Amino acid sequence: MCVDLFTGETCFYKYGAAPSYVWSGRGVRRVHGESFAPGFEDRGPDVVRLKMRPGSRAIILSDGVLGDGDDRWLRESLSRAEVPDARTLSRQTLQTAMRGHGAGDDMTVLAVYVQERA
């Protein structure tokens, strides 16, 4: 994920990984790609472009967090999340996955908040 901190223009580079999620006041959007992991084919990553506005949030996670692939619990959790910062959101998401949704595989969660410059 690459974010232009001045314009909010964002690119997600997806190589057959678990989806990422972006949300604001309008709901949660799943960002995913169709490319295979590097080494399986000779094409580059899928690139998904969007604009993140102040108040937008994104979460990037490993496939171990989603477990069986049903992300309904995660989308519902994110749409209700009222957490003050990215660190808390990452921790809460990881704890929820560990309590019953994760696959027991490696679990990594990274959260990004976009705020207006002060």
PDB file of N, CA and C in Angstrom:
ATOM      1  N   MET A   1       0.855  -1.173   0.000  1.00  0.00           N
ATOM      2  CA  MET A   1       0.000   0.000   0.000  1.00  0.00           C
ATOM      3  C   MET A   1       0.896   1.229   0.000  1.00  0.00           C
ATOM      4  N   CYS A   2       0.561   2.181  -0.837  1.00  0.00           N
ATOM      5  CA  CYS A   2       1.310   3.429  -0.920  1.00  0.00           C
ATOM      6  C   CYS A   2       0.298   4.577  -0.903  1.00  0.00           C
ATOM      7  N   VAL A   3       0.479   5.520   0.021  1.00  0.00           N
ATOM      8  CA  VAL A   3      -0.445   6.647   0.160  1.00  0.00           C
ATOM      9  C   VAL A   3       0.309   7.948  -0.068  1.00  0.00           C
ATOM     10  N   ASP A   4      -0.213   8.785  -0.956  1.00  0.00           N
ATOM     11  CA  ASP A   4       0.321  10.139  -1.113  1.00  0.00           C
ATOM     12  C   ASP A   4      -0.263  10.965   0.026  1.00  0.00           C
ATOM     13  N   LEU A   5       0.572  11.404   0.929  1.00  0.00           N
ATOM     14  CA  LEU A   5       0.104  12.091   2.129  1.00  0.00           C
ATOM     15  C   LEU A   5      -0.462  13.480   1.867  1.00  0.00           C
ATOM     16  N   PHE A   6      -0.253  14.011   0.663  1.00  0.00           N
ATOM     17  CA  PHE A   6      -0.787  15.331   0.339  1.00  0.00           C
ATOM     18  C   PHE A   6      -2.123  15.253  -0.377  1.00  0.00           C
ATOM     19  N   THR A   7      -2.309  14.236  -1.230  1.00  0.00           N
ATOM     20  CA  THR A   7      -3.541  14.137  -2.010  1.00  0.00           C
ATOM     21  C   THR A   7      -4.483  13.035  -1.540  1.00  0.00           C
ATOM     22  N   GLY A   8      -3.968  12.053  -0.802  1.00  0.00           N
ATOM     23  CA  GLY A   8      -4.782  10.919  -0.384  1.00  0.00           C
ATOM     24  C   GLY A   8      -4.861   9.825  -1.432  1.00  0.00           C
ATOM     25  N   GLU A   9      -4.254  10.035  -2.605  1.00  0.00           N
ATOM     26  CA  GLU A   9      -4.246   9.001  -3.640  1.00  0.00           C
ATOM     27  C   GLU A   9      -3.524   7.779  -3.093  1.00  0.00           C
ATOM     28  N   THR A  10      -4.147   6.629  -3.235  1.00  0.00           N
ATOM     29  CA  THR A  10      -3.631   5.398  -2.637  1.00  0.00           C
ATOM     30  C   THR A  10      -3.588   4.294  -3.674  1.00  0.00           C
ATOM     31  N   CYS A  11      -2.534   3.504  -3.648  1.00  0.00           N
ATOM     32  CA  CYS A  11      -2.404   2.326  -4.504  1.00  0.00           C
ATOM     33  C   CYS A  11      -2.173   1.112  -3.616  1.00  0.00           C
ATOM     34  N   PHE A  12      -2.941   0.076  -3.868  1.00  0.00           N
ATOM     35  CA  PHE A  12      -2.710  -1.217  -3.241  1.00  0.00           C
ATOM     36  C   PHE A  12      -2.087  -2.110  -4.295  1.00  0.00           C
ATOM     37  N   TYR A  13      -0.992  -2.752  -3.966  1.00  0.00           N
ATOM     38  CA  TYR A  13      -0.307  -3.682  -4.860  1.00  0.00           C
ATOM     39  C   TYR A  13      -0.570  -5.078  -4.319  1.00  0.00           C
ATOM     40  N   LYS A  14      -1.399  -5.838  -5.032  1.00  0.00           N
ATOM     41  CA  LYS A  14      -1.852  -7.125  -4.524  1.00  0.00           C
ATOM     42  C   LYS A  14      -1.280  -8.275  -5.353  1.00  0.00           C
ATOM     43  N   TYR A  15      -0.595  -9.164  -4.683  1.00  0.00           N
ATOM     44  CA  TYR A  15      -0.027 -10.370  -5.273  1.00  0.00           C
ATOM     45  C   TYR A  15      -0.689 -11.590  -4.646  1.00  0.00           C
ATOM     46  N   GLY A  16      -1.896 -11.898  -4.987  1.00  0.00           N
ATOM     47  CA  GLY A  16      -2.549 -13.099  -4.495  1.00  0.00           C
ATOM     48  C   GLY A  16      -2.602 -13.216  -2.981  1.00  0.00           C
ATOM     49  N   ALA A  17      -2.556 -12.125  -2.292  1.00  0.00           N
ATOM     50  CA  ALA A  17      -2.557 -12.133  -0.834  1.00  0.00           C
ATOM     51  C   ALA A  17      -3.984 -11.983  -0.308  1.00  0.00           C
ATOM     52  N   ALA A  18      -4.100 -12.027   0.999  1.00  0.00           N
ATOM     53  CA  ALA A  18      -5.399 -11.787   1.636  1.00  0.00           C
ATOM     54  C   ALA A  18      -5.878 -10.389   1.248  1.00  0.00           C
ATOM     55  N   PRO A  19      -7.181 -10.189   1.203  1.00  0.00           N
ATOM     56  CA  PRO A  19      -7.684  -8.855   0.870  1.00  0.00           C
ATOM     57  C   PRO A  19      -7.276  -7.823   1.919  1.00  0.00           C
ATOM     58  N   SER A  20      -7.307  -6.587   1.522  1.00  0.00           N
ATOM     59  CA  SER A  20      -7.161  -5.463   2.437  1.00  0.00           C
ATOM     60  C   SER A  20      -8.535  -4.812   2.518  1.00  0.00           C
ATOM     61  N   TYR A  21      -8.720  -3.936   3.474  1.00  0.00           N
ATOM     62  CA  TYR A  21     -10.031  -3.317   3.670  1.00  0.00           C
ATOM     63  C   TYR A  21      -9.856  -1.825   3.904  1.00  0.00           C
ATOM     64  N   VAL A  22     -10.750  -1.046   3.293  1.00  0.00           N
ATOM     65  CA  VAL A  22     -10.745   0.405   3.452  1.00  0.00           C
ATOM     66  C   VAL A  22     -12.154   0.810   3.850  1.00  0.00           C
ATOM     67  N   TRP A  23     -12.264   1.722   4.795  1.00  0.00           N
ATOM     68  CA  TRP A  23     -13.593   2.204   5.147  1.00  0.00           C
ATOM     69  C   TRP A  23     -13.540   3.634   5.634  1.00  0.00           C
ATOM     70  N   SER A  24     -14.701   4.250   5.455  1.00  0.00           N
ATOM     71  CA  SER A  24     -14.941   5.601   5.941  1.00  0.00           C
ATOM     72  C   SER A  24     -16.385   5.601   6.399  1.00  0.00           C
ATOM     73  N   GLY A  25     -17.042   6.708   6.358  1.00  0.00           N
ATOM     74  CA  GLY A  25     -18.438   6.767   6.767  1.00  0.00           C
ATOM     75  C   GLY A  25     -19.380   6.045   5.818  1.00  0.00           C
ATOM     76  N   ARG A  26     -18.887   5.645   4.641  1.00  0.00           N
ATOM     77  CA  ARG A  26     -19.755   5.025   3.640  1.00  0.00           C
ATOM     78  C   ARG A  26     -19.723   3.506   3.642  1.00  0.00           C
ATOM     79  N   GLY A  27     -19.001   2.902   4.546  1.00  0.00           N
ATOM     80  CA  GLY A  27     -18.960   1.448   4.614  1.00  0.00           C
ATOM     81  C   GLY A  27     -17.569   0.897   4.361  1.00  0.00           C
ATOM     82  N   VAL A  28     -17.483  -0.420   4.347  1.00  0.00           N
ATOM     83  CA  VAL A  28     -16.211  -1.121   4.217  1.00  0.00           C
ATOM     84  C   VAL A  28     -16.067  -1.637   2.788  1.00  0.00           C
ATOM     85  N   ARG A  29     -14.907  -1.373   2.194  1.00  0.00           N
ATOM     86  CA  ARG A  29     -14.614  -1.849   0.839  1.00  0.00           C
ATOM     87  C   ARG A  29     -13.498  -2.888   0.905  1.00  0.00           C
ATOM     88  N   ARG A  30     -13.726  -4.039   0.281  1.00  0.00           N
ATOM     89  CA  ARG A  30     -12.703  -5.083   0.204  1.00  0.00           C
ATOM     90  C   ARG A  30     -11.826  -4.797  -1.002  1.00  0.00           C
ATOM     91  N   VAL A  31     -10.510  -4.815  -0.811  1.00  0.00           N
ATOM     92  CA  VAL A  31      -9.548  -4.579  -1.885  1.00  0.00           C
ATOM     93  C   VAL A  31      -8.790  -5.883  -2.088  1.00  0.00           C
ATOM     94  N   HIS A  32      -8.923  -6.470  -3.268  1.00  0.00           N
ATOM     95  CA  HIS A  32      -8.237  -7.734  -3.528  1.00  0.00           C
ATOM     96  C   HIS A  32      -7.719  -7.770  -4.962  1.00  0.00           C
ATOM     97  N   GLY A  33      -6.830  -8.695  -5.202  1.00  0.00           N
ATOM     98  CA  GLY A  33      -6.261  -8.859  -6.531  1.00  0.00           C
ATOM     99  C   GLY A  33      -6.384 -10.297  -6.980  1.00  0.00           C
ATOM    100  N   GLU A  34      -6.166 -10.522  -8.255  1.00  0.00           N
ATOM    101  CA  GLU A  34      -6.276 -11.851  -8.824  1.00  0.00           C
ATOM    102  C   GLU A  34      -4.921 -12.462  -9.162  1.00  0.00           C
ATOM    103  N   SER A  35      -3.849 -11.672  -9.079  1.00  0.00           N
ATOM    104  CA  SER A  35      -2.515 -12.178  -9.419  1.00  0.00           C
ATOM    105  C   SER A  35      -2.080 -13.256  -8.438  1.00  0.00           C
ATOM    106  N   PHE A  36      -1.305 -14.207  -8.957  1.00  0.00           N
ATOM    107  CA  PHE A  36      -0.701 -15.215  -8.100  1.00  0.00           C
ATOM    108  C   PHE A  36       0.527 -14.625  -7.416  1.00  0.00           C
ATOM    109  N   ALA A  37       0.976 -15.298  -6.384  1.00  0.00           N
ATOM    110  CA  ALA A  37       2.182 -14.864  -5.683  1.00  0.00           C
ATOM    111  C   ALA A  37       3.369 -14.873  -6.643  1.00  0.00           C
ATOM    112  N   PRO A  38       4.372 -14.042  -6.399  1.00  0.00           N
ATOM    113  CA  PRO A  38       5.558 -14.016  -7.263  1.00  0.00           C
ATOM    114  C   PRO A  38       6.164 -15.409  -7.405  1.00  0.00           C
ATOM    115  N   GLY A  39       6.602 -15.724  -8.618  1.00  0.00           N
ATOM    116  CA  GLY A  39       7.197 -17.027  -8.887  1.00  0.00           C
ATOM    117  C   GLY A  39       6.249 -17.994  -9.556  1.00  0.00           C
ATOM    118  N   PHE A  40       4.940 -17.765  -9.446  1.00  0.00           N
ATOM    119  CA  PHE A  40       3.966 -18.641 -10.079  1.00  0.00           C
ATOM    120  C   PHE A  40       3.632 -18.215 -11.500  1.00  0.00           C
ATOM    121  N   GLU A  41       3.805 -16.958 -11.793  1.00  0.00           N
ATOM    122  CA  GLU A  41       3.568 -16.441 -13.132  1.00  0.00           C
ATOM    123  C   GLU A  41       4.424 -15.208 -13.337  1.00  0.00           C
ATOM    124  N   ASP A  42       4.544 -14.777 -14.568  1.00  0.00           N
ATOM    125  CA  ASP A  42       5.461 -13.689 -14.898  1.00  0.00           C
ATOM    126  C   ASP A  42       4.791 -12.331 -15.006  1.00  0.00           C
ATOM    127  N   ARG A  43       3.672 -12.124 -14.373  1.00  0.00           N
ATOM    128  CA  ARG A  43       3.060 -10.800 -14.434  1.00  0.00           C
ATOM    129  C   ARG A  43       3.210 -10.094 -13.101  1.00  0.00           C
ATOM    130  N   GLY A  44       3.076  -8.808 -13.130  1.00  0.00           N
ATOM    131  CA  GLY A  44       3.226  -8.013 -11.915  1.00  0.00           C
ATOM    132  C   GLY A  44       1.990  -8.089 -11.042  1.00  0.00           C
ATOM    133  N   PRO A  45       1.998  -7.333  -9.972  1.00  0.00           N
ATOM    134  CA  PRO A  45       0.854  -7.335  -9.058  1.00  0.00           C
ATOM    135  C   PRO A  45      -0.338  -6.605  -9.664  1.00  0.00           C
ATOM    136  N   ASP A  46      -1.513  -6.917  -9.164  1.00  0.00           N
ATOM    137  CA  ASP A  46      -2.689  -6.118  -9.478  1.00  0.00           C
ATOM    138  C   ASP A  46      -2.556  -4.815  -8.709  1.00  0.00           C
ATOM    139  N   VAL A  47      -2.935  -3.716  -9.342  1.00  0.00           N
ATOM    140  CA  VAL A  47      -2.857  -2.412  -8.692  1.00  0.00           C
ATOM    141  C   VAL A  47      -4.278  -1.859  -8.573  1.00  0.00           C
ATOM    142  N   VAL A  48      -4.683  -1.573  -7.351  1.00  0.00           N
ATOM    143  CA  VAL A  48      -6.004  -0.990  -7.090  1.00  0.00           C
ATOM    144  C   VAL A  48      -5.771   0.421  -6.588  1.00  0.00           C
ATOM    145  N   ARG A  49      -6.343   1.391  -7.296  1.00  0.00           N
ATOM    146  CA  ARG A  49      -6.163   2.799  -6.943  1.00  0.00           C
ATOM    147  C   ARG A  49      -7.464   3.360  -6.371  1.00  0.00           C
ATOM    148  N   LEU A  50      -7.315   4.155  -5.339  1.00  0.00           N
ATOM    149  CA  LEU A  50      -8.469   4.836  -4.757  1.00  0.00           C
ATOM    150  C   LEU A  50      -7.972   6.046  -3.996  1.00  0.00           C
ATOM    151  N   LYS A  51      -8.894   6.865  -3.559  1.00  0.00           N
ATOM    152  CA  LYS A  51      -8.541   8.067  -2.807  1.00  0.00           C
ATOM    153  C   LYS A  51      -9.030   7.909  -1.377  1.00  0.00           C
ATOM    154  N   MET A  52      -8.105   8.061  -0.456  1.00  0.00           N
ATOM    155  CA  MET A  52      -8.468   8.033   0.958  1.00  0.00           C
ATOM    156  C   MET A  52      -8.569   9.470   1.444  1.00  0.00           C
ATOM    157  N   ARG A  53      -9.673   9.783   2.054  1.00  0.00           N
ATOM    158  CA  ARG A  53      -9.921  11.119   2.565  1.00  0.00           C
ATOM    159  C   ARG A  53      -9.684  11.138   4.079  1.00  0.00           C
ATOM    160  N   PRO A  54      -9.539  12.325   4.656  1.00  0.00           N
ATOM    161  CA  PRO A  54      -9.397  12.381   6.118  1.00  0.00           C
ATOM    162  C   PRO A  54     -10.533  11.619   6.800  1.00  0.00           C
ATOM    163  N   GLY A  55     -10.184  10.802   7.744  1.00  0.00           N
ATOM    164  CA  GLY A  55     -11.158   9.954   8.427  1.00  0.00           C
ATOM    165  C   GLY A  55     -11.196   8.540   7.880  1.00  0.00           C
ATOM    166  N   SER A  56     -10.603   8.314   6.711  1.00  0.00           N
ATOM    167  CA  SER A  56     -10.556   6.971   6.137  1.00  0.00           C
ATOM    168  C   SER A  56      -9.566   6.115   6.907  1.00  0.00           C
ATOM    169  N   ARG A  57      -9.809   4.826   6.871  1.00  0.00           N
ATOM    170  CA  ARG A  57      -8.929   3.868   7.529  1.00  0.00           C
ATOM    171  C   ARG A  57      -8.716   2.690   6.589  1.00  0.00           C
ATOM    172  N   ALA A  58      -7.576   2.070   6.719  1.00  0.00           N
ATOM    173  CA  ALA A  58      -7.290   0.869   5.938  1.00  0.00           C
ATOM    174  C   ALA A  58      -6.680  -0.168   6.858  1.00  0.00           C
ATOM    175  N   ILE A  59      -6.910  -1.417   6.531  1.00  0.00           N
ATOM    176  CA  ILE A  59      -6.297  -2.498   7.288  1.00  0.00           C
ATOM    177  C   ILE A  59      -5.757  -3.518   6.301  1.00  0.00           C
ATOM    178  N   ILE A  60      -4.519  -3.915   6.543  1.00  0.00           N
ATOM    179  CA  ILE A  60      -3.837  -4.908   5.720  1.00  0.00           C
ATOM    180  C   ILE A  60      -3.519  -6.068   6.652  1.00  0.00           C
ATOM    181  N   LEU A  61      -3.782  -7.288   6.202  1.00  0.00           N
ATOM    182  CA  LEU A  61      -3.587  -8.431   7.086  1.00  0.00           C
ATOM    183  C   LEU A  61      -3.098  -9.643   6.328  1.00  0.00           C
ATOM    184  N   SER A  62      -2.544 -10.580   7.061  1.00  0.00           N
ATOM    185  CA  SER A  62      -2.103 -11.834   6.452  1.00  0.00           C
ATOM    186  C   SER A  62      -3.279 -12.802   6.390  1.00  0.00           C
ATOM    187  N   ASP A  63      -3.150 -13.828   5.554  1.00  0.00           N
ATOM    188  CA  ASP A  63      -4.252 -14.772   5.369  1.00  0.00           C
ATOM    189  C   ASP A  63      -4.580 -15.552   6.638  1.00  0.00           C
ATOM    190  N   GLY A  64      -3.645 -15.674   7.566  1.00  0.00           N
ATOM    191  CA  GLY A  64      -3.927 -16.370   8.816  1.00  0.00           C
ATOM    192  C   GLY A  64      -4.988 -15.682   9.657  1.00  0.00           C
ATOM    193  N   VAL A  65      -5.167 -14.379   9.488  1.00  0.00           N
ATOM    194  CA  VAL A  65      -6.176 -13.633  10.250  1.00  0.00           C
ATOM    195  C   VAL A  65      -7.579 -14.017   9.792  1.00  0.00           C
ATOM    196  N   LEU A  66      -7.752 -14.224   8.489  1.00  0.00           N
ATOM    197  CA  LEU A  66      -9.081 -14.547   7.964  1.00  0.00           C
ATOM    198  C   LEU A  66      -9.464 -16.000   8.189  1.00  0.00           C
ATOM    199  N   GLY A  67      -8.526 -16.867   8.369  1.00  0.00           N
ATOM    200  CA  GLY A  67      -8.853 -18.273   8.609  1.00  0.00           C
ATOM    201  C   GLY A  67      -9.468 -18.913   7.389  1.00  0.00           C
ATOM    202  N   ASP A  68     -10.732 -19.287   7.481  1.00  0.00           N
ATOM    203  CA  ASP A  68     -11.396 -20.008   6.387  1.00  0.00           C
ATOM    204  C   ASP A  68     -11.774 -19.119   5.210  1.00  0.00           C
ATOM    205  N   GLY A  69     -11.457 -17.851   5.273  1.00  0.00           N
ATOM    206  CA  GLY A  69     -11.743 -16.948   4.158  1.00  0.00           C
ATOM    207  C   GLY A  69     -13.045 -16.178   4.293  1.00  0.00           C
ATOM    208  N   ASP A  70     -13.897 -16.564   5.232  1.00  0.00           N
ATOM    209  CA  ASP A  70     -15.144 -15.834   5.443  1.00  0.00           C
ATOM    210  C   ASP A  70     -14.817 -14.569   6.229  1.00  0.00           C
ATOM    211  N   ASP A  71     -14.923 -13.428   5.565  1.00  0.00           N
ATOM    212  CA  ASP A  71     -14.516 -12.169   6.205  1.00  0.00           C
ATOM    213  C   ASP A  71     -15.684 -11.367   6.763  1.00  0.00           C
ATOM    214  N   ARG A  72     -16.829 -11.972   6.862  1.00  0.00           N
ATOM    215  CA  ARG A  72     -18.010 -11.261   7.367  1.00  0.00           C
ATOM    216  C   ARG A  72     -17.766 -10.689   8.769  1.00  0.00           C
ATOM    217  N   TRP A  73     -17.158 -11.488   9.651  1.00  0.00           N
ATOM    218  CA  TRP A  73     -16.874 -11.036  11.012  1.00  0.00           C
ATOM    219  C   TRP A  73     -15.973  -9.811  11.003  1.00  0.00           C
ATOM    220  N   LEU A  74     -15.007  -9.796  10.090  1.00  0.00           N
ATOM    221  CA  LEU A  74     -14.066  -8.683  10.019  1.00  0.00           C
ATOM    222  C   LEU A  74     -14.747  -7.426   9.481  1.00  0.00           C
ATOM    223  N   ARG A  75     -15.523  -7.560   8.407  1.00  0.00           N
ATOM    224  CA  ARG A  75     -16.213  -6.392   7.850  1.00  0.00           C
ATOM    225  C   ARG A  75     -17.190  -5.801   8.857  1.00  0.00           C
ATOM    226  N   GLU A  76     -17.897  -6.649   9.586  1.00  0.00           N
ATOM    227  CA  GLU A  76     -18.827  -6.151  10.611  1.00  0.00           C
ATOM    228  C   GLU A  76     -18.069  -5.457  11.737  1.00  0.00           C
ATOM    229  N   SER A  77     -16.976  -6.048  12.148  1.00  0.00           N
ATOM    230  CA  SER A  77     -16.166  -5.454  13.213  1.00  0.00           C
ATOM    231  C   SER A  77     -15.618  -4.093  12.786  1.00  0.00           C
ATOM    232  N   LEU A  78     -15.125  -4.001  11.563  1.00  0.00           N
ATOM    233  CA  LEU A  78     -14.571  -2.741  11.081  1.00  0.00           C
ATOM    234  C   LEU A  78     -15.638  -1.664  10.932  1.00  0.00           C
ATOM    235  N   SER A  79     -16.820  -2.040  10.489  1.00  0.00           N
ATOM    236  CA  SER A  79     -17.869  -1.040  10.303  1.00  0.00           C
ATOM    237  C   SER A  79     -18.341  -0.463  11.631  1.00  0.00           C
ATOM    238  N   ARG A  80     -18.133  -1.203  12.724  1.00  0.00           N
ATOM    239  CA  ARG A  80     -18.534  -0.733  14.058  1.00  0.00           C
ATOM    240  C   ARG A  80     -17.380  -0.127  14.844  1.00  0.00           C
ATOM    241  N   ALA A  81     -16.166  -0.276  14.352  1.00  0.00           N
ATOM    242  CA  ALA A  81     -14.975   0.111  15.116  1.00  0.00           C
ATOM    243  C   ALA A  81     -14.957   1.609  15.425  1.00  0.00           C
ATOM    244  N   GLU A  82     -14.844   1.919  16.678  1.00  0.00           N
ATOM    245  CA  GLU A  82     -14.687   3.300  17.146  1.00  0.00           C
ATOM    246  C   GLU A  82     -13.445   3.339  18.019  1.00  0.00           C
ATOM    247  N   VAL A  83     -12.308   3.082  17.402  1.00  0.00           N
ATOM    248  CA  VAL A  83     -11.055   3.041  18.160  1.00  0.00           C
ATOM    249  C   VAL A  83     -10.251   4.298  17.867  1.00  0.00           C
ATOM    250  N   PRO A  84      -9.483   4.763  18.853  1.00  0.00           N
ATOM    251  CA  PRO A  84      -8.815   6.054  18.727  1.00  0.00           C
ATOM    252  C   PRO A  84      -7.590   6.080  17.816  1.00  0.00           C
ATOM    253  N   ASP A  85      -6.989   4.916  17.558  1.00  0.00           N
ATOM    254  CA  ASP A  85      -5.751   4.951  16.786  1.00  0.00           C
ATOM    255  C   ASP A  85      -5.522   3.623  16.069  1.00  0.00           C
ATOM    256  N   ALA A  86      -4.560   3.632  15.153  1.00  0.00           N
ATOM    257  CA  ALA A  86      -4.266   2.465  14.331  1.00  0.00           C
ATOM    258  C   ALA A  86      -3.729   1.305  15.166  1.00  0.00           C
ATOM    259  N   ARG A  87      -2.908   1.592  16.159  1.00  0.00           N
ATOM    260  CA  ARG A  87      -2.350   0.517  16.993  1.00  0.00           C
ATOM    261  C   ARG A  87      -3.455  -0.252  17.709  1.00  0.00           C
ATOM    262  N   THR A  88      -4.412   0.463  18.271  1.00  0.00           N
ATOM    263  CA  THR A  88      -5.517  -0.189  18.968  1.00  0.00           C
ATOM    264  C   THR A  88      -6.353  -1.015  18.000  1.00  0.00           C
ATOM    265  N   LEU A  89      -6.621  -0.479  16.824  1.00  0.00           N
ATOM    266  CA  LEU A  89      -7.399  -1.221  15.832  1.00  0.00           C
ATOM    267  C   LEU A  89      -6.678  -2.509  15.436  1.00  0.00           C
ATOM    268  N   SER A  90      -5.382  -2.427  15.199  1.00  0.00           N
ATOM    269  CA  SER A  90      -4.607  -3.619  14.838  1.00  0.00           C
ATOM    270  C   SER A  90      -4.687  -4.670  15.947  1.00  0.00           C
ATOM    271  N   ARG A  91      -4.477  -4.247  17.166  1.00  0.00           N
ATOM    272  CA  ARG A  91      -4.507  -5.187  18.296  1.00  0.00           C
ATOM    273  C   ARG A  91      -5.877  -5.818  18.471  1.00  0.00           C
ATOM    274  N   GLN A  92      -6.933  -5.005  18.405  1.00  0.00           N
ATOM    275  CA  GLN A  92      -8.282  -5.545  18.582  1.00  0.00           C
ATOM    276  C   GLN A  92      -8.622  -6.539  17.475  1.00  0.00           C
ATOM    277  N   THR A  93      -8.234  -6.226  16.243  1.00  0.00           N
ATOM    278  CA  THR A  93      -8.506  -7.136  15.125  1.00  0.00           C
ATOM    279  C   THR A  93      -7.771  -8.449  15.324  1.00  0.00           C
ATOM    280  N   LEU A  94      -6.521  -8.385  15.717  1.00  0.00           N
ATOM    281  CA  LEU A  94      -5.726  -9.584  15.952  1.00  0.00           C
ATOM    282  C   LEU A  94      -6.305 -10.411  17.098  1.00  0.00           C
ATOM    283  N   GLN A  95      -6.708  -9.771  18.174  1.00  0.00           N
ATOM    284  CA  GLN A  95      -7.288 -10.488  19.314  1.00  0.00           C
ATOM    285  C   GLN A  95      -8.587 -11.173  18.927  1.00  0.00           C
ATOM    286  N   THR A  96      -9.420 -10.502  18.136  1.00  0.00           N
ATOM    287  CA  THR A  96     -10.673 -11.113  17.689  1.00  0.00           C
ATOM    288  C   THR A  96     -10.393 -12.332  16.818  1.00  0.00           C
ATOM    289  N   ALA A  97      -9.431 -12.225  15.925  1.00  0.00           N
ATOM    290  CA  ALA A  97      -9.065 -13.355  15.065  1.00  0.00           C
ATOM    291  C   ALA A  97      -8.552 -14.527  15.896  1.00  0.00           C
ATOM    292  N   MET A  98      -7.756 -14.238  16.896  1.00  0.00           N
ATOM    293  CA  MET A  98      -7.191 -15.298  17.732  1.00  0.00           C
ATOM    294  C   MET A  98      -8.267 -16.009  18.563  1.00  0.00           C
ATOM    295  N   ARG A  99      -9.356 -15.312  18.859  1.00  0.00           N
ATOM    296  CA  ARG A  99     -10.439 -15.898  19.656  1.00  0.00           C
ATOM    297  C   ARG A  99     -11.380 -16.777  18.845  1.00  0.00           C
ATOM    298  N   GLY A 100     -11.124 -16.975  17.581  1.00  0.00           N
ATOM    299  CA  GLY A 100     -12.038 -17.885  16.904  1.00  0.00           C
ATOM    300  C   GLY A 100     -12.140 -17.764  15.409  1.00  0.00           C
ATOM    301  N   HIS A 101     -11.431 -16.849  14.808  1.00  0.00           N
ATOM    302  CA  HIS A 101     -11.568 -16.703  13.366  1.00  0.00           C
ATOM    303  C   HIS A 101     -10.289 -17.023  12.615  1.00  0.00           C
ATOM    304  N   GLY A 102      -9.171 -16.919  13.264  1.00  0.00           N
ATOM    305  CA  GLY A 102      -7.894 -17.130  12.602  1.00  0.00           C
ATOM    306  C   GLY A 102      -7.635 -18.588  12.289  1.00  0.00           C
ATOM    307  N   ALA A 103      -6.636 -18.817  11.437  1.00  0.00           N
ATOM    308  CA  ALA A 103      -6.330 -20.161  10.962  1.00  0.00           C
ATOM    309  C   ALA A 103      -5.241 -20.837  11.778  1.00  0.00           C
ATOM    310  N   GLY A 104      -4.681 -20.171  12.771  1.00  0.00           N
ATOM    311  CA  GLY A 104      -3.573 -20.753  13.502  1.00  0.00           C
ATOM    312  C   GLY A 104      -2.262 -20.585  12.750  1.00  0.00           C
ATOM    313  N   ASP A 105      -2.328 -20.017  11.580  1.00  0.00           N
ATOM    314  CA  ASP A 105      -1.161 -19.689  10.768  1.00  0.00           C
ATOM    315  C   ASP A 105      -0.605 -18.371  11.305  1.00  0.00           C
ATOM    316  N   ASP A 106       0.434 -17.848  10.664  1.00  0.00           N
ATOM    317  CA  ASP A 106       0.928 -16.543  11.103  1.00  0.00           C
ATOM    318  C   ASP A 106      -0.186 -15.517  10.957  1.00  0.00           C
ATOM    319  N   MET A 107      -0.233 -14.579  11.873  1.00  0.00           N
ATOM    320  CA  MET A 107      -1.258 -13.546  11.869  1.00  0.00           C
ATOM    321  C   MET A 107      -0.596 -12.192  12.027  1.00  0.00           C
ATOM    322  N   THR A 108      -0.769 -11.357  11.005  1.00  0.00           N
ATOM    323  CA  THR A 108      -0.221 -10.015  11.025  1.00  0.00           C
ATOM    324  C   THR A 108      -1.320  -9.039  10.636  1.00  0.00           C
ATOM    325  N   VAL A 109      -1.424  -7.931  11.366  1.00  0.00           N
ATOM    326  CA  VAL A 109      -2.425  -6.909  11.077  1.00  0.00           C
ATOM    327  C   VAL A 109      -1.739  -5.548  11.112  1.00  0.00           C
ATOM    328  N   LEU A 110      -1.955  -4.765  10.069  1.00  0.00           N
ATOM    329  CA  LEU A 110      -1.428  -3.405   9.993  1.00  0.00           C
ATOM    330  C   LEU A 110      -2.597  -2.477   9.694  1.00  0.00           C
ATOM    331  N   ALA A 111      -2.760  -1.441  10.492  1.00  0.00           N
ATOM    332  CA  ALA A 111      -3.845  -0.479  10.279  1.00  0.00           C
ATOM    333  C   ALA A 111      -3.258   0.885   9.940  1.00  0.00           C
ATOM    334  N   VAL A 112      -3.975   1.623   9.089  1.00  0.00           N
ATOM    335  CA  VAL A 112      -3.569   2.964   8.664  1.00  0.00           C
ATOM    336  C   VAL A 112      -4.760   3.888   8.823  1.00  0.00           C
ATOM    337  N   TYR A 113      -4.543   5.017   9.479  1.00  0.00           N
ATOM    338  CA  TYR A 113      -5.565   6.053   9.588  1.00  0.00           C
ATOM    339  C   TYR A 113      -5.096   7.252   8.773  1.00  0.00           C
ATOM    340  N   VAL A 114      -5.993   7.861   8.036  1.00  0.00           N
ATOM    341  CA  VAL A 114      -5.660   9.082   7.300  1.00  0.00           C
ATOM    342  C   VAL A 114      -6.354  10.239   8.012  1.00  0.00           C
ATOM    343  N   GLN A 115      -5.551  11.202   8.440  1.00  0.00           N
ATOM    344  CA  GLN A 115      -6.087  12.354   9.139  1.00  0.00           C
ATOM    345  C   GLN A 115      -5.676  13.614   8.417  1.00  0.00           C
ATOM    346  N   GLU A 116      -6.431  14.660   8.616  1.00  0.00           N
ATOM    347  CA  GLU A 116      -6.093  15.952   8.019  1.00  0.00           C
ATOM    348  C   GLU A 116      -4.868  16.523   8.717  1.00  0.00           C
ATOM    349  N   ARG A 117      -4.020  17.148   7.918  1.00  0.00           N
ATOM    350  CA  ARG A 117      -2.813  17.760   8.492  1.00  0.00           C
ATOM    351  C   ARG A 117      -3.220  18.923   9.383  1.00  0.00           C
ATOM    352  N   ALA A 118      -2.572  19.011  10.517  1.00  0.00           N
ATOM    353  CA  ALA A 118      -2.872  20.087  11.463  1.00  0.00           C
ATOM    354  C   ALA A 118      -2.021  21.302  11.180  1.00  0.00           C
TER     355      ALA A 118
END
